[in-house]
Amino acid sequence: MLKRTIQKGLLRRLVLQLRLVNIVPSPILNFFGRALSSLKIVSEEFQGGAGALFNPLVRDAGPVFSKLFSRWILGAWEAHQQGKKVILVPFNFPVDLIHAFDNAHPRSL
């Protein structure tokens, strides 16, 4: 679960937020995503990204994509925490080559 500790670093804060995204049910995530994207207190970059992600036209795709993205980032983070080398590869790269190494974790771009 989430630790109640203050950690430094942008990626660590992002990981904590993405863990929360995985816990929250999709309808609640969709509601708060729309609410945050409409507020003027967040940055313009966040408004643009969240506005596109939680736009009513895309319906339920926003929360699904958010959970997919969070699992992708969390997988890379956990591999790094275990001391593995995280290797970013294109989607058409045969990841079996990377799995052959004991200490490597592939992430497709």
C-alpha atoms as a PDB file:
ATOM      1  CA  MET A   1       0.000   0.000   0.000  1.00  0.00           C
ATOM      2  CA  LEU A   2       0.921   3.627  -0.018  1.00  0.00           C
ATOM      3  CA  LYS A   3       3.479   4.684   2.544  1.00  0.00           C
ATOM      4  CA  ARG A   4       2.828   7.856   4.423  1.00  0.00           C
ATOM      5  CA  THR A   5       6.334   9.173   3.959  1.00  0.00           C
ATOM      6  CA  ILE A   6       7.573  12.247   2.212  1.00  0.00           C
ATOM      7  CA  GLN A   7       9.979  11.298  -0.539  1.00  0.00           C
ATOM      8  CA  LYS A   8      12.013  13.653  -2.666  1.00  0.00           C
ATOM      9  CA  GLY A   9      12.243  13.539  -6.414  1.00  0.00           C
ATOM     10  CA  LEU A  10       9.812  14.048  -9.244  1.00  0.00           C
ATOM     11  CA  LEU A  11       9.726  10.396 -10.312  1.00  0.00           C
ATOM     12  CA  ARG A  12       9.115   9.181  -6.769  1.00  0.00           C
ATOM     13  CA  ARG A  13       6.187  11.566  -6.397  1.00  0.00           C
ATOM     14  CA  LEU A  14       4.852  10.432  -9.769  1.00  0.00           C
ATOM     15  CA  VAL A  15       5.112   6.790  -8.683  1.00  0.00           C
ATOM     16  CA  LEU A  16       3.099   7.514  -5.529  1.00  0.00           C
ATOM     17  CA  GLN A  17       0.413   9.240  -7.588  1.00  0.00           C
ATOM     18  CA  LEU A  18       0.316   6.428 -10.143  1.00  0.00           C
ATOM     19  CA  ARG A  19      -0.097   3.861  -7.369  1.00  0.00           C
ATOM     20  CA  LEU A  20      -3.135   5.831  -6.298  1.00  0.00           C
ATOM     21  CA  VAL A  21      -4.445   5.768  -9.888  1.00  0.00           C
ATOM     22  CA  ASN A  22      -4.310   1.956  -9.801  1.00  0.00           C
ATOM     23  CA  ILE A  23      -6.275   1.815  -6.531  1.00  0.00           C
ATOM     24  CA  VAL A  24      -9.065   4.265  -7.387  1.00  0.00           C
ATOM     25  CA  PRO A  25     -12.051   2.797  -9.294  1.00  0.00           C
ATOM     26  CA  SER A  26     -12.438   4.024 -12.886  1.00  0.00           C
ATOM     27  CA  PRO A  27     -15.703   6.015 -12.418  1.00  0.00           C
ATOM     28  CA  ILE A  28     -14.175   7.997  -9.553  1.00  0.00           C
ATOM     29  CA  LEU A  29     -10.958   8.523 -11.506  1.00  0.00           C
ATOM     30  CA  ASN A  30     -12.984   9.753 -14.482  1.00  0.00           C
ATOM     31  CA  PHE A  31     -14.951  12.196 -12.300  1.00  0.00           C
ATOM     32  CA  PHE A  32     -11.895  13.684 -10.621  1.00  0.00           C
ATOM     33  CA  GLY A  33      -9.944  13.752 -13.887  1.00  0.00           C
ATOM     34  CA  ARG A  34     -12.648  15.877 -15.475  1.00  0.00           C
ATOM     35  CA  ALA A  35     -12.858  18.089 -12.406  1.00  0.00           C
ATOM     36  CA  LEU A  36      -9.082  18.669 -12.266  1.00  0.00           C
ATOM     37  CA  SER A  37      -8.881  19.389 -15.985  1.00  0.00           C
ATOM     38  CA  SER A  38     -11.505  22.108 -15.657  1.00  0.00           C
ATOM     39  CA  LEU A  39      -9.871  23.887 -12.706  1.00  0.00           C
ATOM     40  CA  LYS A  40      -7.607  26.847 -13.354  1.00  0.00           C
ATOM     41  CA  ILE A  41      -5.347  26.039 -10.382  1.00  0.00           C
ATOM     42  CA  VAL A  42      -3.388  23.372 -12.248  1.00  0.00           C
ATOM     43  CA  SER A  43      -0.794  24.073 -14.931  1.00  0.00           C
ATOM     44  CA  GLU A  44      -1.769  24.562 -18.565  1.00  0.00           C
ATOM     45  CA  GLU A  45       0.111  21.381 -19.490  1.00  0.00           C
ATOM     46  CA  PHE A  46      -1.936  19.364 -17.012  1.00  0.00           C
ATOM     47  CA  GLN A  47      -5.154  21.012 -18.168  1.00  0.00           C
ATOM     48  CA  GLY A  48      -4.379  20.100 -21.777  1.00  0.00           C
ATOM     49  CA  GLY A  49      -3.369  16.527 -21.007  1.00  0.00           C
ATOM     50  CA  ALA A  50      -6.129  15.798 -18.535  1.00  0.00           C
ATOM     51  CA  GLY A  51      -8.636  17.625 -20.716  1.00  0.00           C
ATOM     52  CA  ALA A  52      -7.836  15.326 -23.619  1.00  0.00           C
ATOM     53  CA  LEU A  53      -7.667  12.219 -21.442  1.00  0.00           C
ATOM     54  CA  PHE A  54     -10.934  12.812 -19.598  1.00  0.00           C
ATOM     55  CA  ASN A  55     -12.894  14.485 -22.369  1.00  0.00           C
ATOM     56  CA  PRO A  56     -16.522  13.275 -22.469  1.00  0.00           C
ATOM     57  CA  LEU A  57     -16.025  12.346 -26.137  1.00  0.00           C
ATOM     58  CA  VAL A  58     -13.568   9.581 -25.232  1.00  0.00           C
ATOM     59  CA  ARG A  59     -15.873   8.321 -22.441  1.00  0.00           C
ATOM     60  CA  ASP A  60     -14.277   5.475 -20.507  1.00  0.00           C
ATOM     61  CA  ALA A  61     -10.975   5.408 -22.395  1.00  0.00           C
ATOM     62  CA  GLY A  62      -9.342   8.015 -20.133  1.00  0.00           C
ATOM     63  CA  PRO A  63      -9.338   5.972 -16.922  1.00  0.00           C
ATOM     64  CA  VAL A  64      -8.366   2.798 -18.808  1.00  0.00           C
ATOM     65  CA  PHE A  65      -5.417   4.564 -20.448  1.00  0.00           C
ATOM     66  CA  SER A  66      -4.428   6.120 -17.109  1.00  0.00           C
ATOM     67  CA  LYS A  67      -4.333   2.719 -15.431  1.00  0.00           C
ATOM     68  CA  LEU A  68      -2.423   1.209 -18.365  1.00  0.00           C
ATOM     69  CA  PHE A  69       0.130   4.022 -18.310  1.00  0.00           C
ATOM     70  CA  SER A  70       0.509   3.780 -14.551  1.00  0.00           C
ATOM     71  CA  ARG A  71       1.188   0.035 -14.742  1.00  0.00           C
ATOM     72  CA  TRP A  72       3.797   0.698 -17.451  1.00  0.00           C
ATOM     73  CA  ILE A  73       5.651   3.290 -15.363  1.00  0.00           C
ATOM     74  CA  LEU A  74       5.292   1.315 -12.119  1.00  0.00           C
ATOM     75  CA  GLY A  75       6.718  -1.784 -13.798  1.00  0.00           C
ATOM     76  CA  ALA A  76       9.803   0.158 -14.829  1.00  0.00           C
ATOM     77  CA  TRP A  77      10.106   1.703 -11.359  1.00  0.00           C
ATOM     78  CA  GLU A  78       9.822  -1.626  -9.566  1.00  0.00           C
ATOM     79  CA  ALA A  79      12.386  -3.206 -11.883  1.00  0.00           C
ATOM     80  CA  HIS A  80      14.752  -0.323 -11.140  1.00  0.00           C
ATOM     81  CA  GLN A  81      14.144  -0.718  -7.394  1.00  0.00           C
ATOM     82  CA  GLN A  82      15.076  -4.420  -7.705  1.00  0.00           C
ATOM     83  CA  GLY A  83      18.381  -3.414  -9.284  1.00  0.00           C
ATOM     84  CA  LYS A  84      17.453  -4.410 -12.827  1.00  0.00           C
ATOM     85  CA  LYS A  85      18.445  -2.380 -15.851  1.00  0.00           C
ATOM     86  CA  VAL A  86      15.384  -0.864 -17.528  1.00  0.00           C
ATOM     87  CA  ILE A  87      15.783  -0.897 -21.301  1.00  0.00           C
ATOM     88  CA  LEU A  88      13.447   1.138 -23.497  1.00  0.00           C
ATOM     89  CA  VAL A  89      12.849  -0.587 -26.821  1.00  0.00           C
ATOM     90  CA  PRO A  90      10.596   0.096 -29.826  1.00  0.00           C
ATOM     91  CA  PHE A  91       7.328  -1.838 -29.998  1.00  0.00           C
ATOM     92  CA  ASN A  92       8.598  -4.081 -32.796  1.00  0.00           C
ATOM     93  CA  PHE A  93      11.829  -5.102 -31.036  1.00  0.00           C
ATOM     94  CA  PRO A  94      12.028  -8.775 -29.989  1.00  0.00           C
ATOM     95  CA  VAL A  95      12.043  -8.466 -26.188  1.00  0.00           C
ATOM     96  CA  ASP A  96      13.088 -12.117 -25.818  1.00  0.00           C
ATOM     97  CA  LEU A  97      16.648 -10.915 -26.286  1.00  0.00           C
ATOM     98  CA  ILE A  98      16.340  -8.663 -23.250  1.00  0.00           C
ATOM     99  CA  HIS A  99      14.639 -11.363 -21.168  1.00  0.00           C
ATOM    100  CA  ALA A 100      17.699 -13.523 -21.827  1.00  0.00           C
ATOM    101  CA  PHE A 101      19.678 -11.229 -19.518  1.00  0.00           C
ATOM    102  CA  ASP A 102      19.225 -11.912 -15.814  1.00  0.00           C
ATOM    103  CA  ASN A 103      19.235  -8.314 -14.756  1.00  0.00           C
ATOM    104  CA  ALA A 104      17.214  -6.530 -17.473  1.00  0.00           C
ATOM    105  CA  HIS A 105      13.614  -5.395 -17.819  1.00  0.00           C
ATOM    106  CA  PRO A 106      12.253  -4.313 -21.245  1.00  0.00           C
ATOM    107  CA  ARG A 107       9.817  -1.411 -21.641  1.00  0.00           C
ATOM    108  CA  SER A 108       8.327  -0.762 -25.081  1.00  0.00           C
ATOM    109  CA  LEU A 109       8.035   2.790 -26.322  1.00  0.00           C
END
